Amino acid sequence: MQRSSGEPALIFPGLAGFYNATSDLWYPLIRVAAGAILVTHGWVKLHAGVAAITASMARSGFEPATAFAYGAIILESLGALCVAIGLFTRFFAAAIAIEMAVIAFIVMMPHGWGRMEFTFLWGIIFLAIALRGGGPYSVDRMIGKEL
């Protein structure tokens, strides 16, 4: 049996208040989690140093390796932090989605689907965030502007 709004009837109707009170938290939860998880990768890159990341980029065939190293460090630290707080969300999420596509299809794909599927999934998540923007509870919403 469905409710008049087209939503299925709740098995436990007593939870309706909880669901109504928390229904707008799903998106910020996903945005914050995705950004915060990626920040850990940026943190590792920051501590490894530009020289080490540049060498890794060169081994993977990315030239100019230094530019790619700075791009990865900036996106996975500052960009991921901005996604987490919802500042310039569309720009950074789109850039990160592109980075994940490059990693998935150029770096990981030669090793098979099992190696690329995780990066591919993260790319899709960041693409979805780019399409949605900052959403509720974001700095973009607070300042009333977004890209």
N, C-alpha and C. Protein backbone atom coordinates (compact mmCIF):
# COMPACT_ATOMS: atom_id res chain seq x y z
N MET A 1 0.84 -1.18 0.00
CA MET A 1 0.00 0.00 0.00
C MET A 1 0.89 1.24 0.00
N GLN A 2 0.55 2.21 -0.85
CA GLN A 2 1.33 3.44 -0.94
C GLN A 2 0.57 4.59 -0.30
N ARG A 3 1.37 5.57 0.18
CA ARG A 3 0.76 6.79 0.71
C ARG A 3 0.37 7.68 -0.48
N SER A 4 -0.40 8.69 -0.23
CA SER A 4 -0.89 9.55 -1.31
C SER A 4 0.23 10.26 -2.06
N SER A 5 1.40 10.44 -1.44
CA SER A 5 2.49 11.15 -2.10
C SER A 5 3.25 10.26 -3.08
N GLY A 6 2.86 8.99 -3.20
CA GLY A 6 3.56 8.07 -4.08
C GLY A 6 4.66 7.30 -3.37
N GLU A 7 4.93 7.64 -2.13
CA GLU A 7 5.93 6.93 -1.34
C GLU A 7 5.31 5.66 -0.78
N PRO A 8 6.09 4.60 -0.67
CA PRO A 8 5.55 3.38 -0.07
C PRO A 8 5.22 3.60 1.41
N ALA A 9 4.25 2.87 1.90
CA ALA A 9 3.86 2.98 3.31
C ALA A 9 4.99 2.43 4.18
N LEU A 10 5.19 3.07 5.32
CA LEU A 10 6.23 2.63 6.24
C LEU A 10 5.77 1.39 7.01
N ILE A 11 6.67 0.44 7.15
CA ILE A 11 6.36 -0.75 7.96
C ILE A 11 6.25 -0.34 9.42
N PHE A 12 7.11 0.59 9.84
CA PHE A 12 7.07 1.11 11.21
C PHE A 12 6.72 2.60 11.13
N PRO A 13 5.43 2.93 11.13
CA PRO A 13 5.01 4.33 10.98
C PRO A 13 5.57 5.26 12.04
N GLY A 14 5.96 4.73 13.18
CA GLY A 14 6.53 5.56 14.24
C GLY A 14 7.85 6.21 13.85
N LEU A 15 8.49 5.70 12.79
CA LEU A 15 9.75 6.28 12.34
C LEU A 15 9.56 7.46 11.39
N ALA A 16 8.33 7.77 11.03
CA ALA A 16 8.06 8.84 10.06
C ALA A 16 8.66 10.17 10.51
N GLY A 17 8.53 10.51 11.76
CA GLY A 17 9.09 11.77 12.27
C GLY A 17 10.60 11.83 12.13
N PHE A 18 11.25 10.73 12.44
CA PHE A 18 12.71 10.67 12.31
C PHE A 18 13.11 10.84 10.84
N TYR A 19 12.45 10.10 9.95
CA TYR A 19 12.77 10.19 8.53
C TYR A 19 12.52 11.60 7.99
N ASN A 20 11.44 12.23 8.40
CA ASN A 20 11.14 13.59 7.95
C ASN A 20 12.18 14.59 8.45
N ALA A 21 12.61 14.40 9.72
CA ALA A 21 13.58 15.33 10.31
C ALA A 21 14.97 15.18 9.69
N THR A 22 15.30 14.01 9.17
CA THR A 22 16.65 13.77 8.66
C THR A 22 16.72 13.62 7.15
N SER A 23 15.62 13.78 6.45
CA SER A 23 15.58 13.48 5.01
C SER A 23 16.48 14.38 4.17
N ASP A 24 16.81 15.57 4.63
CA ASP A 24 17.67 16.44 3.83
C ASP A 24 19.15 16.32 4.20
N LEU A 25 19.49 15.35 5.03
CA LEU A 25 20.89 15.17 5.44
C LEU A 25 21.67 14.19 4.56
N TRP A 26 20.98 13.43 3.71
CA TRP A 26 21.67 12.41 2.91
C TRP A 26 22.72 13.01 2.00
N TYR A 27 22.40 14.11 1.35
CA TYR A 27 23.35 14.66 0.39
C TYR A 27 24.58 15.27 1.06
N PRO A 28 24.42 16.13 2.07
CA PRO A 28 25.63 16.63 2.72
C PRO A 28 26.49 15.51 3.31
N LEU A 29 25.86 14.46 3.77
CA LEU A 29 26.60 13.32 4.31
C LEU A 29 27.50 12.69 3.24
N ILE A 30 26.96 12.49 2.06
CA ILE A 30 27.73 11.91 0.95
C ILE A 30 28.83 12.88 0.52
N ARG A 31 28.50 14.16 0.38
CA ARG A 31 29.48 15.16 -0.06
C ARG A 31 30.63 15.28 0.93
N VAL A 32 30.32 15.36 2.22
CA VAL A 32 31.35 15.49 3.25
C VAL A 32 32.21 14.23 3.31
N ALA A 33 31.58 13.06 3.26
CA ALA A 33 32.33 11.80 3.34
C ALA A 33 33.26 11.65 2.14
N ALA A 34 32.77 11.93 0.94
CA ALA A 34 33.60 11.80 -0.26
C ALA A 34 34.79 12.75 -0.19
N GLY A 35 34.54 14.00 0.16
CA GLY A 35 35.63 14.97 0.26
C GLY A 35 36.63 14.60 1.34
N ALA A 36 36.13 14.21 2.50
CA ALA A 36 37.02 13.88 3.62
C ALA A 36 37.87 12.64 3.33
N ILE A 37 37.29 11.66 2.68
CA ILE A 37 38.07 10.46 2.33
C ILE A 37 39.17 10.81 1.34
N LEU A 38 38.85 11.65 0.36
CA LEU A 38 39.87 12.02 -0.62
C LEU A 38 40.96 12.89 -0.01
N VAL A 39 40.61 13.70 0.99
CA VAL A 39 41.62 14.53 1.66
C VAL A 39 42.76 13.66 2.21
N THR A 40 42.44 12.46 2.66
CA THR A 40 43.50 11.59 3.20
C THR A 40 44.52 11.24 2.12
N HIS A 41 44.07 11.09 0.88
CA HIS A 41 45.00 10.83 -0.23
C HIS A 41 45.85 12.07 -0.53
N GLY A 42 45.23 13.23 -0.45
CA GLY A 42 45.98 14.47 -0.63
C GLY A 42 47.00 14.68 0.48
N TRP A 43 46.62 14.32 1.70
CA TRP A 43 47.52 14.45 2.85
C TRP A 43 48.78 13.60 2.64
N VAL A 44 48.59 12.37 2.16
CA VAL A 44 49.73 11.48 1.89
C VAL A 44 50.62 12.10 0.81
N LYS A 45 50.01 12.66 -0.22
CA LYS A 45 50.79 13.27 -1.29
C LYS A 45 51.54 14.50 -0.79
N LEU A 46 50.90 15.30 0.05
CA LEU A 46 51.56 16.47 0.61
C LEU A 46 52.80 16.06 1.41
N HIS A 47 52.69 15.01 2.18
CA HIS A 47 53.80 14.57 3.02
C HIS A 47 54.87 13.83 2.22
N ALA A 48 54.49 13.22 1.11
CA ALA A 48 55.49 12.55 0.26
C ALA A 48 56.36 13.59 -0.45
N GLY A 49 55.76 14.72 -0.77
CA GLY A 49 56.48 15.80 -1.43
C GLY A 49 56.28 15.79 -2.94
N VAL A 50 56.45 16.95 -3.51
CA VAL A 50 56.24 17.13 -4.95
C VAL A 50 57.20 16.27 -5.75
N ALA A 51 58.45 16.14 -5.30
CA ALA A 51 59.43 15.36 -6.05
C ALA A 51 59.01 13.90 -6.17
N ALA A 52 58.53 13.32 -5.07
CA ALA A 52 58.10 11.92 -5.10
C ALA A 52 56.87 11.74 -5.98
N ILE A 53 55.93 12.65 -5.89
CA ILE A 53 54.71 12.55 -6.71
C ILE A 53 55.05 12.79 -8.17
N THR A 54 55.98 13.71 -8.45
CA THR A 54 56.42 13.95 -9.82
C THR A 54 57.05 12.69 -10.41
N ALA A 55 57.88 12.02 -9.63
CA ALA A 55 58.51 10.78 -10.10
C ALA A 55 57.45 9.72 -10.39
N SER A 56 56.43 9.64 -9.54
CA SER A 56 55.35 8.67 -9.74
C SER A 56 54.57 9.00 -11.01
N MET A 57 54.32 10.28 -11.25
CA MET A 57 53.60 10.69 -12.46
C MET A 57 54.42 10.35 -13.70
N ALA A 58 55.72 10.60 -13.64
CA ALA A 58 56.59 10.30 -14.78
C ALA A 58 56.61 8.80 -15.06
N ARG A 59 56.67 7.96 -14.01
CA ARG A 59 56.64 6.51 -14.21
C ARG A 59 55.34 6.06 -14.86
N SER A 60 54.25 6.77 -14.57
CA SER A 60 52.95 6.42 -15.15
C SER A 60 52.78 7.00 -16.55
N GLY A 61 53.76 7.78 -17.01
CA GLY A 61 53.72 8.32 -18.37
C GLY A 61 53.06 9.68 -18.49
N PHE A 62 52.83 10.36 -17.39
CA PHE A 62 52.20 11.67 -17.43
C PHE A 62 53.28 12.75 -17.52
N GLU A 63 53.26 13.49 -18.60
CA GLU A 63 54.20 14.59 -18.81
C GLU A 63 53.42 15.83 -19.20
N PRO A 64 53.74 16.99 -18.71
CA PRO A 64 54.80 17.29 -17.77
C PRO A 64 54.44 16.79 -16.37
N ALA A 65 55.28 15.93 -15.84
CA ALA A 65 55.00 15.23 -14.59
C ALA A 65 54.82 16.18 -13.41
N THR A 66 55.58 17.27 -13.39
CA THR A 66 55.47 18.22 -12.27
C THR A 66 54.09 18.89 -12.26
N ALA A 67 53.59 19.25 -13.42
CA ALA A 67 52.26 19.86 -13.50
C ALA A 67 51.18 18.88 -13.05
N PHE A 68 51.30 17.64 -13.48
CA PHE A 68 50.33 16.63 -13.04
C PHE A 68 50.44 16.38 -11.54
N ALA A 69 51.64 16.41 -11.01
CA ALA A 69 51.84 16.20 -9.57
C ALA A 69 51.17 17.32 -8.78
N TYR A 70 51.41 18.57 -9.18
CA TYR A 70 50.76 19.69 -8.50
C TYR A 70 49.24 19.60 -8.63
N GLY A 71 48.77 19.23 -9.81
CA GLY A 71 47.32 19.09 -10.01
C GLY A 71 46.72 18.06 -9.07
N ALA A 72 47.35 16.90 -8.96
CA ALA A 72 46.84 15.85 -8.07
C ALA A 72 46.88 16.29 -6.62
N ILE A 73 47.98 16.92 -6.22
CA ILE A 73 48.10 17.39 -4.83
C ILE A 73 47.04 18.43 -4.51
N ILE A 74 46.85 19.39 -5.40
CA ILE A 74 45.86 20.45 -5.16
C ILE A 74 44.45 19.88 -5.14
N LEU A 75 44.12 19.04 -6.12
CA LEU A 75 42.76 18.49 -6.18
C LEU A 75 42.45 17.60 -4.98
N GLU A 76 43.42 16.77 -4.59
CA GLU A 76 43.16 15.80 -3.53
C GLU A 76 43.32 16.38 -2.13
N SER A 77 43.81 17.61 -2.02
CA SER A 77 43.88 18.25 -0.71
C SER A 77 42.90 19.43 -0.66
N LEU A 78 43.26 20.53 -1.30
CA LEU A 78 42.40 21.72 -1.29
C LEU A 78 41.05 21.44 -1.95
N GLY A 79 41.07 20.79 -3.11
CA GLY A 79 39.82 20.50 -3.83
C GLY A 79 38.90 19.60 -3.03
N ALA A 80 39.45 18.55 -2.44
CA ALA A 80 38.64 17.63 -1.64
C ALA A 80 38.09 18.32 -0.40
N LEU A 81 38.90 19.18 0.23
CA LEU A 81 38.43 19.93 1.39
C LEU A 81 37.29 20.86 0.99
N CYS A 82 37.42 21.51 -0.17
CA CYS A 82 36.35 22.39 -0.65
C CYS A 82 35.07 21.61 -0.94
N VAL A 83 35.19 20.42 -1.51
CA VAL A 83 34.00 19.58 -1.73
C VAL A 83 33.36 19.25 -0.39
N ALA A 84 34.18 18.87 0.59
CA ALA A 84 33.66 18.49 1.90
C ALA A 84 32.87 19.62 2.56
N ILE A 85 33.37 20.85 2.46
CA ILE A 85 32.66 21.96 3.08
C ILE A 85 31.64 22.60 2.14
N GLY A 86 31.70 22.22 0.87
CA GLY A 86 30.73 22.75 -0.09
C GLY A 86 31.09 24.13 -0.62
N LEU A 87 32.37 24.37 -0.88
CA LEU A 87 32.83 25.64 -1.43
C LEU A 87 33.38 25.41 -2.84
N PHE A 88 32.86 26.14 -3.82
CA PHE A 88 33.22 25.93 -5.23
C PHE A 88 33.03 24.45 -5.58
N THR A 89 31.95 23.89 -5.08
CA THR A 89 31.71 22.45 -5.13
C THR A 89 31.69 21.92 -6.56
N ARG A 90 30.94 22.56 -7.43
CA ARG A 90 30.81 22.05 -8.80
C ARG A 90 32.17 22.01 -9.51
N PHE A 91 32.94 23.06 -9.37
CA PHE A 91 34.24 23.13 -10.04
C PHE A 91 35.17 22.02 -9.55
N PHE A 92 35.36 21.95 -8.23
CA PHE A 92 36.31 20.96 -7.70
C PHE A 92 35.81 19.53 -7.90
N ALA A 93 34.52 19.29 -7.73
CA ALA A 93 34.00 17.93 -7.92
C ALA A 93 34.15 17.50 -9.38
N ALA A 94 33.91 18.40 -10.32
CA ALA A 94 34.08 18.07 -11.74
C ALA A 94 35.55 17.79 -12.05
N ALA A 95 36.45 18.61 -11.52
CA ALA A 95 37.88 18.40 -11.75
C ALA A 95 38.33 17.06 -11.15
N ILE A 96 37.84 16.73 -9.97
CA ILE A 96 38.19 15.46 -9.34
C ILE A 96 37.61 14.30 -10.13
N ALA A 97 36.40 14.45 -10.64
CA ALA A 97 35.80 13.39 -11.47
C ALA A 97 36.65 13.13 -12.71
N ILE A 98 37.16 14.19 -13.31
CA ILE A 98 38.04 14.04 -14.47
C ILE A 98 39.34 13.33 -14.05
N GLU A 99 39.90 13.74 -12.92
CA GLU A 99 41.11 13.08 -12.41
C GLU A 99 40.85 11.59 -12.20
N MET A 100 39.72 11.25 -11.60
CA MET A 100 39.39 9.83 -11.35
C MET A 100 39.21 9.07 -12.66
N ALA A 101 38.64 9.72 -13.67
CA ALA A 101 38.48 9.06 -14.98
C ALA A 101 39.85 8.77 -15.60
N VAL A 102 40.76 9.73 -15.50
CA VAL A 102 42.12 9.52 -16.02
C VAL A 102 42.79 8.36 -15.28
N ILE A 103 42.68 8.36 -13.95
CA ILE A 103 43.30 7.29 -13.16
C ILE A 103 42.67 5.95 -13.54
N ALA A 104 41.35 5.91 -13.61
CA ALA A 104 40.65 4.65 -13.88
C ALA A 104 40.98 4.11 -15.27
N PHE A 105 40.87 4.96 -16.28
CA PHE A 105 40.98 4.47 -17.65
C PHE A 105 42.40 4.43 -18.20
N ILE A 106 43.29 5.26 -17.69
CA ILE A 106 44.66 5.27 -18.21
C ILE A 106 45.61 4.48 -17.31
N VAL A 107 45.51 4.70 -16.00
CA VAL A 107 46.44 4.05 -15.09
C VAL A 107 45.98 2.64 -14.71
N MET A 108 44.71 2.49 -14.35
CA MET A 108 44.23 1.23 -13.79
C MET A 108 43.68 0.24 -14.82
N MET A 109 43.06 0.72 -15.88
CA MET A 109 42.41 -0.17 -16.84
C MET A 109 43.32 -1.25 -17.43
N PRO A 110 44.58 -0.94 -17.73
CA PRO A 110 45.45 -2.00 -18.25
C PRO A 110 45.60 -3.19 -17.30
N HIS A 111 45.31 -2.98 -16.03
CA HIS A 111 45.43 -4.04 -15.02
C HIS A 111 44.11 -4.78 -14.81
N GLY A 112 43.07 -4.41 -15.54
CA GLY A 112 41.78 -5.09 -15.45
C GLY A 112 40.75 -4.33 -14.63
N TRP A 113 39.49 -4.75 -14.80
CA TRP A 113 38.36 -4.10 -14.14
C TRP A 113 38.51 -4.08 -12.62
N GLY A 114 39.01 -5.15 -12.06
CA GLY A 114 39.16 -5.23 -10.61
C GLY A 114 40.04 -4.14 -10.03
N ARG A 115 40.98 -3.66 -10.82
CA ARG A 115 41.86 -2.58 -10.34
C ARG A 115 41.24 -1.20 -10.57
N MET A 116 40.36 -1.08 -11.55
CA MET A 116 39.84 0.25 -11.88
C MET A 116 38.47 0.54 -11.30
N GLU A 117 37.76 -0.49 -10.84
CA GLU A 117 36.37 -0.29 -10.44
C GLU A 117 36.21 0.67 -9.27
N PHE A 118 37.11 0.64 -8.31
CA PHE A 118 37.01 1.51 -7.14
C PHE A 118 37.19 2.98 -7.55
N THR A 119 38.21 3.24 -8.37
CA THR A 119 38.45 4.61 -8.84
C THR A 119 37.32 5.07 -9.74
N PHE A 120 36.79 4.17 -10.56
CA PHE A 120 35.65 4.49 -11.42
C PHE A 120 34.44 4.90 -10.58
N LEU A 121 34.17 4.15 -9.52
CA LEU A 121 33.06 4.47 -8.61
C LEU A 121 33.24 5.85 -7.99
N TRP A 122 34.44 6.15 -7.51
CA TRP A 122 34.68 7.46 -6.93
C TRP A 122 34.51 8.57 -7.97
N GLY A 123 34.89 8.29 -9.20
CA GLY A 123 34.67 9.27 -10.27
C GLY A 123 33.20 9.55 -10.48
N ILE A 124 32.39 8.50 -10.46
CA ILE A 124 30.93 8.68 -10.61
C ILE A 124 30.36 9.47 -9.43
N ILE A 125 30.82 9.19 -8.23
CA ILE A 125 30.34 9.92 -7.05
C ILE A 125 30.68 11.41 -7.18
N PHE A 126 31.92 11.72 -7.57
CA PHE A 126 32.28 13.13 -7.72
C PHE A 126 31.57 13.78 -8.90
N LEU A 127 31.28 13.03 -9.96
CA LEU A 127 30.48 13.57 -11.06
C LEU A 127 29.08 13.92 -10.57
N ALA A 128 28.48 13.04 -9.79
CA ALA A 128 27.15 13.32 -9.23
C ALA A 128 27.18 14.56 -8.34
N ILE A 129 28.22 14.70 -7.53
CA ILE A 129 28.35 15.89 -6.69
C ILE A 129 28.49 17.14 -7.56
N ALA A 130 29.26 17.04 -8.64
CA ALA A 130 29.41 18.19 -9.54
C ALA A 130 28.07 18.58 -10.16
N LEU A 131 27.27 17.59 -10.52
CA LEU A 131 25.97 17.88 -11.11
C LEU A 131 25.01 18.50 -10.10
N ARG A 132 25.09 18.08 -8.85
CA ARG A 132 24.19 18.56 -7.80
C ARG A 132 24.63 19.89 -7.21
N GLY A 133 25.93 20.12 -7.13
CA GLY A 133 26.44 21.35 -6.50
C GLY A 133 26.54 21.19 -5.00
N GLY A 134 26.69 22.29 -4.31
CA GLY A 134 26.89 22.27 -2.87
C GLY A 134 25.70 21.75 -2.09
N GLY A 135 24.51 22.06 -2.54
CA GLY A 135 23.31 21.59 -1.85
C GLY A 135 23.12 22.27 -0.50
N PRO A 136 22.19 21.72 0.28
CA PRO A 136 21.95 22.32 1.59
C PRO A 136 23.16 22.10 2.50
N TYR A 137 23.34 22.98 3.44
CA TYR A 137 24.42 22.89 4.42
C TYR A 137 25.79 22.97 3.76
N SER A 138 25.95 23.89 2.82
CA SER A 138 27.24 24.09 2.15
C SER A 138 27.61 25.57 2.25
N VAL A 139 28.89 25.84 2.08
CA VAL A 139 29.35 27.23 2.05
C VAL A 139 28.78 27.92 0.81
N ASP A 140 28.69 27.19 -0.30
CA ASP A 140 28.07 27.76 -1.51
C ASP A 140 26.68 28.30 -1.19
N ARG A 141 25.89 27.53 -0.46
CA ARG A 141 24.53 27.95 -0.11
C ARG A 141 24.57 29.14 0.84
N MET A 142 25.54 29.12 1.78
CA MET A 142 25.67 30.22 2.75
C MET A 142 25.96 31.55 2.06
N ILE A 143 26.87 31.52 1.08
CA ILE A 143 27.22 32.77 0.40
C ILE A 143 26.25 33.11 -0.73
N GLY A 144 25.39 32.15 -1.08
CA GLY A 144 24.37 32.40 -2.06
C GLY A 144 24.86 32.40 -3.50
N LYS A 145 26.02 31.82 -3.74
CA LYS A 145 26.57 31.76 -5.09
C LYS A 145 27.26 30.41 -5.28
N GLU A 146 27.18 29.90 -6.52
CA GLU A 146 27.96 28.73 -6.88
C GLU A 146 28.29 28.79 -8.35
N LEU A 147 29.30 28.05 -8.73
CA LEU A 147 29.75 28.04 -10.13
C LEU A 147 28.75 27.34 -11.01
